[in-house]
């Protein structure tokens, strides 16, 4: 079956280190609008922002984007994406969903296309991104999530076997930094949000392990760099500098 995708960007104002970050100003426009524009430029399909607050909804619409309101008490971005999908597409015309984080204002549209590509292979339920770790300190940093993924020499896509905050796998060879963008088949997303938290998911504090614990297949596309995620005021200043740089 051919894939008919939609891109959904979950956004909520609550953030401990940078409160209200979807509306953080970057050269006269809210950050969420920059993310929306880059998702549109990826050319995958329609782009919708799934908002937890009316202020974000209004900002997106004021700049020509499409947004829907979702329950502010939803526990995760995946739940927000699913609720938005059910609102915008009750007839189930979209059978694939790309989930782009709302704090990636400098993301290359090609990276968004990269996360969607593995989903086209038969048998893949979910696709995501990895990049090879080049800094030794990242190998042991628990804040850098490692993907145990079998990537054949010269290949750009491999199957995920596990995700961990620990340094895995053992011995010599590449380690891969997981990047939290996802694409789902619709049936896979419906199954995922209905599942209870898994044992390993709770232990590692990694939501994607719920899928693996329940026999779902995740494939990873290899990209060159980690997109800048804006989590702190310093990250915001860096994003402003990057987006102000000559192109």
Protein backbone atom coordinates (compact mmCIF):
# COMPACT_ATOMS: atom_id res chain seq x y z
CA UNK A 1 0.00 0.00 0.00
CA UNK A 2 1.32 3.43 -0.93
CA UNK A 3 2.03 5.73 1.99
CA UNK A 4 0.01 8.91 2.36
CA UNK A 5 1.86 10.83 5.09
CA UNK A 6 1.12 13.80 7.31
CA UNK A 7 3.63 15.67 9.47
CA UNK A 8 2.52 16.51 13.01
CA UNK A 9 4.52 18.74 15.37
CA UNK A 10 3.56 18.40 19.06
CA UNK A 11 4.03 21.62 21.03
CA UNK A 12 3.41 22.62 24.64
CA UNK A 13 4.45 25.66 26.65
CA UNK A 14 5.61 23.90 29.81
CA UNK A 15 9.38 23.41 29.87
CA UNK A 16 11.44 23.54 33.05
CA UNK A 17 14.58 25.07 31.57
CA UNK A 18 12.93 27.32 28.98
CA UNK A 19 9.29 28.04 29.84
CA UNK A 20 7.10 29.02 26.90
CA UNK A 21 9.69 27.90 24.37
CA UNK A 22 7.31 27.31 21.41
CA UNK A 23 6.73 31.08 21.40
CA UNK A 24 10.36 32.05 21.99
CA UNK A 25 11.20 34.85 19.56
CA UNK A 26 13.67 34.10 16.79
CA UNK A 27 14.09 37.12 14.51
CA UNK A 28 10.50 38.26 14.90
CA UNK A 29 8.78 34.89 14.65
CA UNK A 30 7.96 32.24 17.27
CA UNK A 31 10.21 29.19 17.32
CA UNK A 32 7.31 26.88 16.49
CA UNK A 33 6.75 28.80 13.24
CA UNK A 34 10.38 28.20 12.20
CA UNK A 35 9.91 24.47 12.83
CA UNK A 36 6.63 24.47 10.89
CA UNK A 37 8.27 26.19 7.90
CA UNK A 38 11.07 23.61 7.79
CA UNK A 39 8.61 20.75 8.01
CA UNK A 40 6.66 22.24 5.11
CA UNK A 41 9.91 22.59 3.13
CA UNK A 42 10.55 18.84 3.58
CA UNK A 43 7.74 18.28 1.10
CA UNK A 44 6.47 15.06 2.69
CA UNK A 45 2.85 16.02 3.15
CA UNK A 46 0.54 18.41 5.03
CA UNK A 47 1.97 19.83 8.27
CA UNK A 48 -0.10 20.34 11.43
CA UNK A 49 0.98 21.64 14.83
CA UNK A 50 -0.62 19.77 17.76
CA UNK A 51 -0.96 22.45 20.45
CA UNK A 52 -1.52 22.12 24.17
CA UNK A 53 -2.23 25.85 24.61
CA UNK A 54 -4.34 28.38 22.71
CA UNK A 55 -1.45 30.87 22.47
CA UNK A 56 0.57 28.42 20.35
CA UNK A 57 -2.47 27.64 18.20
CA UNK A 58 -3.04 31.35 17.58
CA UNK A 59 0.63 31.99 16.74
CA UNK A 60 0.75 29.22 14.14
CA UNK A 61 -2.47 30.37 12.47
CA UNK A 62 -1.30 33.99 12.52
CA UNK A 63 1.67 32.97 10.36
CA UNK A 64 -0.37 30.94 7.89
CA UNK A 65 0.09 27.51 9.43
CA UNK A 66 -2.36 24.81 10.39
CA UNK A 67 -2.80 23.81 14.04
CA UNK A 68 -5.23 21.92 16.26
CA UNK A 69 -5.83 21.94 20.00
CA UNK A 70 -5.12 18.84 22.07
CA UNK A 71 -5.63 17.95 25.72
CA UNK A 72 -2.94 19.79 27.75
CA UNK A 73 -2.79 16.89 30.21
CA UNK A 74 -1.64 14.28 27.68
CA UNK A 75 1.51 12.60 29.05
CA UNK A 76 3.68 12.43 25.93
CA UNK A 77 4.26 13.94 22.51
CA UNK A 78 3.22 10.64 20.91
CA UNK A 79 -0.17 10.85 22.63
CA UNK A 80 -0.52 14.44 21.43
CA UNK A 81 0.31 13.43 17.86
CA UNK A 82 -2.25 10.63 17.96
CA UNK A 83 -5.02 12.85 19.33
CA UNK A 84 -4.30 15.48 16.67
CA UNK A 85 -4.36 12.84 13.94
CA UNK A 86 -7.75 11.55 15.07
CA UNK A 87 -9.09 15.13 14.96
CA UNK A 88 -7.82 16.07 11.52
CA UNK A 89 -8.35 12.71 9.84
CA UNK A 90 -11.35 10.80 11.23
CA UNK A 91 -11.74 9.00 7.89
CA UNK A 92 -8.20 7.60 8.18
CA UNK A 93 -6.89 8.89 4.88
CA UNK A 94 -3.36 9.36 6.24
CA UNK A 95 -1.65 6.03 6.84
CA UNK A 96 1.76 7.37 7.88
CA UNK A 97 2.71 10.04 10.39
CA UNK A 98 5.99 11.93 10.82
CA UNK A 99 6.49 13.31 14.33
CA UNK A 100 8.81 16.34 14.34
CA UNK A 101 9.79 17.88 17.67
CA UNK A 102 8.69 21.47 18.13
CA UNK A 103 12.07 22.67 19.43
CA UNK A 104 14.16 22.13 16.29
CA UNK A 105 14.05 25.52 14.54
CA UNK A 106 17.25 24.96 12.55
CA UNK A 107 16.52 21.41 11.36
CA UNK A 108 17.41 20.67 7.75
CA UNK A 109 14.30 19.60 5.80
CA UNK A 110 16.43 16.78 4.35
CA UNK A 111 16.70 15.31 7.86
CA UNK A 112 12.90 15.23 8.12
CA UNK A 113 12.77 13.43 4.78
CA UNK A 114 15.40 10.99 6.06
CA UNK A 115 13.27 9.86 9.01
CA UNK A 116 10.37 9.08 6.71
CA UNK A 117 12.34 7.07 4.14
CA UNK A 118 12.79 3.76 6.09
CA UNK A 119 9.04 3.51 6.65
CA UNK A 120 8.63 2.66 2.97
CA UNK A 121 10.20 -0.77 3.51
CA UNK A 122 7.79 -3.63 4.11
CA UNK A 123 7.59 -4.73 7.73
CA UNK A 124 8.84 -1.48 9.30
CA UNK A 125 6.43 -0.16 11.95
CA UNK A 126 8.41 2.88 13.11
CA UNK A 127 11.43 4.71 11.76
CA UNK A 128 13.80 7.08 13.51
CA UNK A 129 17.27 8.62 13.15
CA UNK A 130 20.79 7.99 14.40
CA UNK A 131 24.19 9.55 13.86
CA UNK A 132 27.58 8.03 14.60
CA UNK A 133 29.17 9.25 17.83
CA UNK A 134 32.51 10.94 17.24
CA UNK A 135 33.17 12.50 20.69
CA UNK A 136 34.39 10.02 23.29
CA UNK A 137 32.62 11.80 26.15
CA UNK A 138 29.26 11.18 24.45
CA UNK A 139 29.78 7.41 24.62
CA UNK A 140 29.53 7.43 28.41
CA UNK A 141 27.12 10.37 28.83
CA UNK A 142 23.74 9.01 30.03
CA UNK A 143 21.99 12.02 28.50
CA UNK A 144 23.11 10.82 25.06
CA UNK A 145 20.81 7.93 24.18
CA UNK A 146 22.58 5.16 22.31
CA UNK A 147 20.88 3.06 19.64
CA UNK A 148 22.03 -0.51 19.20
CA UNK A 149 21.45 -0.82 15.49
CA UNK A 150 22.77 -3.20 12.87
CA UNK A 151 24.04 -1.02 10.03
CA UNK A 152 25.90 -2.93 7.34
CA UNK A 153 29.08 -1.35 5.94
CA UNK A 154 28.11 1.33 3.44
CA UNK A 155 24.42 1.18 4.38
CA UNK A 156 22.37 4.17 5.57
CA UNK A 157 19.55 2.25 7.26
CA UNK A 158 19.61 -0.47 9.90
CA UNK A 159 17.27 -2.23 12.30
CA UNK A 160 17.18 -1.11 15.92
CA UNK A 161 17.73 -3.86 18.46
CA UNK A 162 17.81 -1.75 21.64
CA UNK A 163 18.15 1.78 23.00
CA UNK A 164 20.04 2.63 26.16
CA UNK A 165 21.66 5.38 28.19
CA UNK A 166 24.58 3.03 28.76
CA UNK A 167 27.54 2.56 26.42
CA UNK A 168 26.37 -0.26 24.18
CA UNK A 169 27.27 -2.41 22.34
CA UNK A 170 30.54 -3.59 23.86
CA UNK A 171 33.97 -3.74 22.24
CA UNK A 172 35.37 -1.90 19.24
CA UNK A 173 33.10 -0.42 16.61
CA UNK A 174 30.77 2.51 16.07
CA UNK A 175 28.24 3.76 18.62
CA UNK A 176 25.15 5.58 17.47
CA UNK A 177 23.48 8.63 19.01
CA UNK A 178 19.71 8.34 18.78
CA UNK A 179 17.83 11.40 17.46
CA UNK A 180 14.24 11.60 18.66
CA UNK A 181 12.33 12.12 15.43
CA UNK A 182 9.93 9.38 14.40
CA UNK A 183 7.73 8.23 11.56
CA UNK A 184 4.97 5.69 12.16
CA UNK A 185 2.59 3.62 10.16
CA UNK A 186 -0.83 4.63 11.41
CA UNK A 187 -1.61 1.17 12.77
CA UNK A 188 1.70 1.15 14.62
CA UNK A 189 1.04 4.51 16.27
CA UNK A 190 -2.45 3.41 17.29
CA UNK A 191 -0.99 0.27 18.87
CA UNK A 192 1.86 2.13 20.54
CA UNK A 193 -0.25 4.75 22.35
CA UNK A 194 -2.63 2.03 23.60
CA UNK A 195 0.15 -0.04 25.18
CA UNK A 196 1.06 0.23 28.87
CA UNK A 197 4.55 1.35 29.78
CA UNK A 198 7.09 -1.43 29.44
CA UNK A 199 9.47 -2.72 32.09
CA UNK A 200 12.57 -1.63 30.16
CA UNK A 201 10.94 1.65 29.15
CA UNK A 202 10.50 2.53 32.82
CA UNK A 203 13.99 1.40 33.72
CA UNK A 204 15.79 3.32 30.96
CA UNK A 205 13.25 6.19 30.81
CA UNK A 206 13.05 5.70 27.04
CA UNK A 207 9.61 5.61 25.45
CA UNK A 208 10.75 3.86 22.26
CA UNK A 209 11.56 0.70 24.23
CA UNK A 210 7.81 0.17 24.65
CA UNK A 211 7.63 -0.58 20.94
CA UNK A 212 10.54 -3.03 20.99
CA UNK A 213 9.23 -4.76 24.10
CA UNK A 214 6.00 -5.44 22.21
CA UNK A 215 7.60 -6.86 19.08
CA UNK A 216 7.37 -3.79 16.87
CA UNK A 217 10.08 -3.15 14.30
CA UNK A 218 12.02 0.11 14.37
CA UNK A 219 14.44 0.95 11.56
CA UNK A 220 16.98 3.77 11.85
CA UNK A 221 18.28 6.06 9.12
CA UNK A 222 21.85 7.27 9.49
CA UNK A 223 22.33 11.05 9.19
CA UNK A 224 25.44 13.18 9.54
CA UNK A 225 24.67 15.42 12.53
CA UNK A 226 22.33 15.87 15.49
CA UNK A 227 19.84 18.72 14.91
CA UNK A 228 20.04 21.53 17.47
CA UNK A 229 17.35 21.04 20.08
CA UNK A 230 16.46 24.21 21.97
CA UNK A 231 16.19 23.35 25.67
CA UNK A 232 17.94 26.27 27.38
CA UNK A 233 18.41 30.03 26.91
CA UNK A 234 21.91 29.28 25.58
CA UNK A 235 20.46 26.92 22.96
CA UNK A 236 18.02 29.64 21.95
CA UNK A 237 20.84 32.13 21.43
CA UNK A 238 22.71 29.58 19.33
CA UNK A 239 19.62 29.00 17.19
CA UNK A 240 19.22 32.75 16.70
CA UNK A 241 22.84 33.00 15.59
CA UNK A 242 22.52 30.08 13.16
CA UNK A 243 19.34 31.45 11.62
CA UNK A 244 20.89 34.89 11.29
CA UNK A 245 23.94 33.55 9.48
CA UNK A 246 24.32 34.16 5.72
CA UNK A 247 22.99 31.31 3.60
